[in-house]
Amino acid sequence: MKKFHFATSMFLAAATFYAVTGSAYAGKGANTNACVNLSVKPQSPLTFNFYPVSTNCMNDDGHNASLTVSTSGVSCVSIGYVEAKGSGTCAFRSSTWNLSYTTTGSSWSGATQSTWATGSGITLSDYTAQTSVNTSPAASGATSTDWNDQGPIYIVFTPGATSKVKGKKASH
């Protein structure tokens, strides 16, 4: 009987360890798009270059992408799948991810840092003025969102926007 209890205890301990630190567990992830919202049509097409970077506890951080824009309104490009890491010590820490952009043909640039949390989506924490995150390709004031399955989500920058809100960066 002692061997049975010992074996059962060891099995439960191993199962618990694997559930918490198992390499197969993923965090919250989404097919992610980088967008720009232009209030007026540019005189000539502008190319926006997007650079996603994982800074802490991310499984996937997407890929660089370029977007040429010649109209006003919201325009988007896929930057791929982005996913928080939900295993090991990352199960207990914030997953952080950055997205920045530069513009060819203009001095506009911008960036956002975001926290991805298993079960609660994405929250922008340090971002260029009027940057928002949404589950549809639209500009809004939202700085956090949640989604089902694998998104999609849209991070929308507004080049040239300014803000007097403390903690927000003005677009260059």
Protein backbone atom coordinates (compact mmCIF):
# COMPACT_ATOMS: atom_id res chain seq x y z
CA MET A 1 0.00 0.00 0.00
CA LYS A 2 2.89 2.37 0.76
CA LYS A 3 4.27 1.80 -2.75
CA PHE A 4 0.88 2.70 -4.25
CA HIS A 5 0.67 5.99 -2.30
CA PHE A 6 4.29 6.82 -3.17
CA ALA A 7 3.68 6.10 -6.88
CA THR A 8 0.43 8.10 -6.84
CA SER A 9 2.13 11.03 -5.11
CA MET A 10 5.01 10.99 -7.60
CA PHE A 11 2.59 10.85 -10.56
CA LEU A 12 0.59 13.82 -9.20
CA ALA A 13 3.78 15.79 -8.54
CA ALA A 14 5.05 15.11 -12.07
CA ALA A 15 1.69 16.01 -13.62
CA THR A 16 1.55 19.27 -11.65
CA PHE A 17 5.14 20.14 -12.62
CA TYR A 18 4.40 19.50 -16.30
CA ALA A 19 1.18 21.52 -16.18
CA VAL A 20 2.99 24.53 -14.73
CA THR A 21 6.28 24.35 -16.62
CA GLY A 22 5.52 22.15 -19.62
CA SER A 23 7.05 23.43 -22.84
CA ALA A 24 3.91 22.62 -24.82
CA TYR A 25 1.78 25.29 -23.10
CA ALA A 26 1.33 28.52 -25.00
CA GLY A 27 0.06 31.83 -23.73
CA LYS A 28 -2.42 34.18 -25.36
CA GLY A 29 -1.68 34.70 -29.08
CA ALA A 30 -3.17 36.41 -32.12
CA ASN A 31 -2.73 37.04 -35.80
CA THR A 32 -1.55 40.63 -35.54
CA ASN A 33 -1.78 43.57 -37.91
CA ALA A 34 0.07 46.90 -37.84
CA CYS A 35 -2.00 49.84 -39.08
CA VAL A 36 -1.75 53.56 -39.71
CA ASN A 37 -4.62 56.02 -39.60
CA LEU A 38 -4.04 59.05 -41.84
CA SER A 39 -6.43 61.97 -41.48
CA VAL A 40 -5.65 63.26 -44.99
CA LYS A 41 -4.54 61.65 -48.21
CA PRO A 42 -0.75 61.99 -48.60
CA GLN A 43 0.49 64.03 -51.59
CA SER A 44 2.56 61.02 -52.63
CA PRO A 45 2.56 57.43 -51.35
CA LEU A 46 4.25 56.86 -47.98
CA THR A 47 5.93 53.63 -46.94
CA PHE A 48 5.62 52.59 -43.30
CA ASN A 49 8.12 50.03 -42.00
CA PHE A 50 7.03 48.03 -38.93
CA TYR A 51 9.42 46.29 -36.53
CA PRO A 52 8.01 43.90 -33.89
CA VAL A 53 10.37 42.89 -31.06
CA SER A 54 9.84 40.44 -28.22
CA THR A 55 11.33 41.80 -24.99
CA ASN A 56 10.21 39.26 -22.36
CA CYS A 57 8.43 35.89 -22.27
CA MET A 58 7.09 35.68 -25.83
CA ASN A 59 6.88 32.51 -27.96
CA ASP A 60 6.31 34.31 -31.27
CA ASP A 61 6.95 37.95 -32.04
CA GLY A 62 5.78 38.30 -35.65
CA HIS A 63 7.90 39.66 -38.49
CA ASN A 64 8.94 42.97 -40.01
CA ALA A 65 6.57 44.30 -42.65
CA SER A 66 6.16 47.31 -44.93
CA LEU A 67 2.99 49.09 -45.98
CA THR A 68 2.66 51.67 -48.76
CA VAL A 69 -0.22 54.09 -48.16
CA SER A 70 -1.72 56.48 -50.70
CA THR A 71 -5.17 57.13 -49.14
CA SER A 72 -6.58 58.61 -45.97
CA GLY A 73 -8.12 56.41 -43.29
CA VAL A 74 -6.89 53.16 -41.76
CA SER A 75 -4.52 50.93 -43.74
CA CYS A 76 -3.08 47.69 -42.35
CA VAL A 77 -0.49 45.00 -43.00
CA SER A 78 -0.08 41.61 -41.33
CA ILE A 79 2.96 41.28 -39.09
CA GLY A 80 2.19 37.63 -38.36
CA TYR A 81 1.37 35.60 -35.29
CA VAL A 82 2.34 37.02 -31.89
CA GLU A 83 2.05 34.87 -28.77
CA ALA A 84 2.86 35.19 -25.09
CA LYS A 85 4.79 32.38 -23.44
CA GLY A 86 2.66 30.71 -20.78
CA SER A 87 5.05 28.11 -19.41
CA GLY A 88 7.90 27.93 -16.92
CA THR A 89 8.55 31.11 -14.99
CA CYS A 90 6.71 33.06 -17.71
CA ALA A 91 3.45 31.65 -16.39
CA PHE A 92 3.96 34.03 -13.45
CA ARG A 93 5.54 37.03 -15.25
CA SER A 94 4.38 39.61 -17.75
CA SER A 95 5.01 38.94 -21.42
CA THR A 96 6.14 42.15 -23.12
CA TRP A 97 6.32 42.96 -26.81
CA ASN A 98 7.18 46.13 -28.72
CA LEU A 99 6.09 47.40 -32.12
CA SER A 100 7.68 50.42 -33.76
CA TYR A 101 7.50 52.07 -37.16
CA THR A 102 9.46 54.44 -39.34
CA THR A 103 8.27 56.16 -42.49
CA THR A 104 10.03 56.48 -45.82
CA GLY A 105 9.21 59.86 -47.31
CA SER A 106 8.33 61.47 -43.96
CA SER A 107 9.85 62.02 -40.52
CA TRP A 108 6.97 60.20 -38.81
CA SER A 109 7.85 57.40 -36.42
CA GLY A 110 6.21 55.79 -33.43
CA ALA A 111 6.19 52.86 -31.06
CA THR A 112 4.24 50.98 -28.45
CA GLN A 113 5.16 48.59 -25.69
CA SER A 114 2.50 46.09 -24.73
CA THR A 115 1.84 43.43 -22.13
CA TRP A 116 0.31 40.15 -23.24
CA ALA A 117 -1.44 38.18 -20.53
CA THR A 118 -2.90 34.69 -20.69
CA GLY A 119 -6.64 35.05 -20.36
CA SER A 120 -6.75 38.83 -20.53
CA GLY A 121 -5.33 39.81 -23.90
CA ILE A 122 -3.12 42.81 -24.65
CA THR A 123 -2.60 46.16 -22.92
CA LEU A 124 -0.59 49.03 -24.42
CA SER A 125 1.63 50.60 -21.79
CA ASP A 126 3.94 53.13 -23.44
CA TYR A 127 2.78 54.34 -26.81
CA THR A 128 2.84 57.11 -29.36
CA ALA A 129 -0.11 59.53 -29.11
CA GLN A 130 -3.47 58.16 -30.26
CA THR A 131 -2.24 54.59 -30.72
CA SER A 132 -4.97 52.03 -30.15
CA VAL A 133 -5.50 48.26 -30.18
CA ASN A 134 -8.69 46.69 -31.53
CA THR A 135 -10.21 43.50 -32.86
CA SER A 136 -11.13 45.27 -36.11
CA PRO A 137 -9.17 47.61 -38.42
CA ALA A 138 -10.39 50.88 -36.91
CA ALA A 139 -8.86 53.71 -34.91
CA SER A 140 -10.27 54.13 -31.41
CA GLY A 141 -9.18 55.18 -27.96
CA ALA A 142 -8.82 51.57 -26.74
CA THR A 143 -5.48 50.72 -25.15
CA SER A 144 -6.40 47.14 -24.23
CA THR A 145 -8.48 44.37 -25.74
CA ASP A 146 -9.22 40.68 -25.46
CA TRP A 147 -10.13 38.28 -28.25
CA ASN A 148 -11.20 34.73 -28.94
CA ASP A 149 -9.11 32.03 -30.56
CA GLN A 150 -6.23 33.59 -32.54
CA GLY A 151 -7.52 37.09 -33.18
CA PRO A 152 -7.03 38.98 -35.35
CA ILE A 153 -5.96 42.12 -33.53
CA TYR A 154 -4.99 45.49 -35.00
CA ILE A 155 -2.54 47.98 -33.53
CA VAL A 156 -3.38 51.35 -35.08
CA PHE A 157 -0.89 54.23 -35.09
CA THR A 158 -1.97 57.79 -35.95
CA PRO A 159 1.07 59.52 -37.49
CA GLY A 160 1.35 63.19 -36.67
CA ALA A 161 -0.96 62.96 -33.65
CA THR A 162 -0.08 64.82 -30.50
CA SER A 163 -1.19 64.27 -26.95
CA LYS A 164 -1.03 66.21 -23.72
CA VAL A 165 -1.82 63.09 -21.69
CA LYS A 166 1.03 62.33 -19.30
CA GLY A 167 2.91 59.14 -20.12
CA LYS A 168 2.08 59.12 -23.81
CA LYS A 169 4.70 59.94 -26.43
CA ALA A 170 3.99 62.42 -29.20
CA SER A 171 4.53 61.23 -32.75
CA HIS A 172 7.67 62.60 -34.43
